[in-house]
Amino acid sequence: MSEKLHLTPDDEFPDDLSALPDGELQVLDSQVQRQLDYEYVREGEPNPETEFRHHDIDDEFQERDIR
């Protein structure tokens, strides 16, 4: 997993979030959230790719809570 604080829309993103261990998913969530915050401050709105990634991660967390 990347040591970057932000995950830009151009950075790689896992195809299958269910394959990630909880800790890696939490790091990925933090990176995407930081990127969202950055985009809101700099651009006034999120990049659609970042927003999709954020929703995908939220969905994965919800799935894991159900299991």
Protein backbone atom coordinates (compact mmCIF):
# COMPACT_ATOMS: atom_id res chain seq x y z
CA MET A 1 0.00 0.00 0.00
CA SER A 2 1.18 3.49 -0.78
CA GLU A 3 2.66 5.73 1.91
CA LYS A 4 1.09 8.82 0.31
CA LEU A 5 -1.26 10.96 2.37
CA HIS A 6 -3.55 11.64 -0.61
CA LEU A 7 -4.78 9.32 -3.35
CA THR A 8 -5.23 11.41 -6.48
CA PRO A 9 -7.69 10.39 -9.22
CA ASP A 10 -4.71 9.36 -11.36
CA ASP A 11 -3.26 7.02 -8.70
CA GLU A 12 -3.97 3.30 -8.82
CA PHE A 13 -7.04 2.06 -7.00
CA PRO A 14 -7.77 -1.59 -6.18
CA ASP A 15 -10.33 -3.33 -8.38
CA ASP A 16 -11.53 -5.55 -5.55
CA LEU A 17 -11.82 -3.81 -2.19
CA SER A 18 -13.11 -6.99 -0.55
CA ALA A 19 -9.65 -8.52 -0.99
CA LEU A 20 -8.01 -5.86 1.20
CA PRO A 21 -7.40 -6.48 4.90
CA ASP A 22 -9.23 -4.09 7.23
CA GLY A 23 -6.11 -2.06 7.99
CA GLU A 24 -5.31 -1.47 4.32
CA LEU A 25 -8.91 -0.47 3.61
CA GLN A 26 -8.75 2.03 6.47
CA VAL A 27 -5.53 3.54 5.08
CA LEU A 28 -7.09 3.75 1.63
CA ASP A 29 -10.16 5.43 3.13
CA SER A 30 -7.97 7.98 4.87
CA GLN A 31 -6.07 8.74 1.65
CA VAL A 32 -9.27 9.21 -0.34
CA GLN A 33 -10.83 11.35 2.40
CA ARG A 34 -7.78 13.61 2.47
CA GLN A 35 -7.98 13.93 -1.30
CA LEU A 36 -11.67 14.85 -1.08
CA ASP A 37 -10.89 17.51 1.52
CA TYR A 38 -8.10 18.87 -0.68
CA GLU A 39 -10.35 19.01 -3.75
CA TYR A 40 -13.12 20.81 -1.86
CA VAL A 41 -10.67 23.43 -0.63
CA ARG A 42 -8.76 23.88 -3.91
CA GLU A 43 -11.46 23.26 -6.51
CA GLY A 44 -14.69 23.89 -4.63
CA GLU A 45 -15.99 20.41 -5.49
CA PRO A 46 -14.65 16.86 -5.64
CA ASN A 47 -13.31 15.16 -8.72
CA PRO A 48 -15.91 12.57 -9.81
CA GLU A 49 -13.32 9.76 -9.63
CA THR A 50 -12.44 10.64 -6.05
CA GLU A 51 -16.11 10.78 -5.14
CA PHE A 52 -16.76 7.36 -6.74
CA ARG A 53 -13.83 5.89 -4.83
CA HIS A 54 -15.14 7.33 -1.58
CA HIS A 55 -18.54 5.74 -2.17
CA ASP A 56 -16.97 2.40 -3.12
CA ILE A 57 -15.01 2.35 0.13
CA ASP A 58 -18.10 3.29 2.15
CA ASP A 59 -20.02 0.46 0.49
CA GLU A 60 -17.24 -1.99 1.35
CA PHE A 61 -17.25 -0.88 5.00
CA GLN A 62 -21.04 -1.38 5.11
CA GLU A 63 -20.67 -4.87 3.61
CA ARG A 64 -18.10 -5.77 6.22
CA ASP A 65 -20.33 -4.53 9.01
CA ILE A 66 -23.10 -6.83 7.77
CA ARG A 67 -20.79 -9.86 7.75
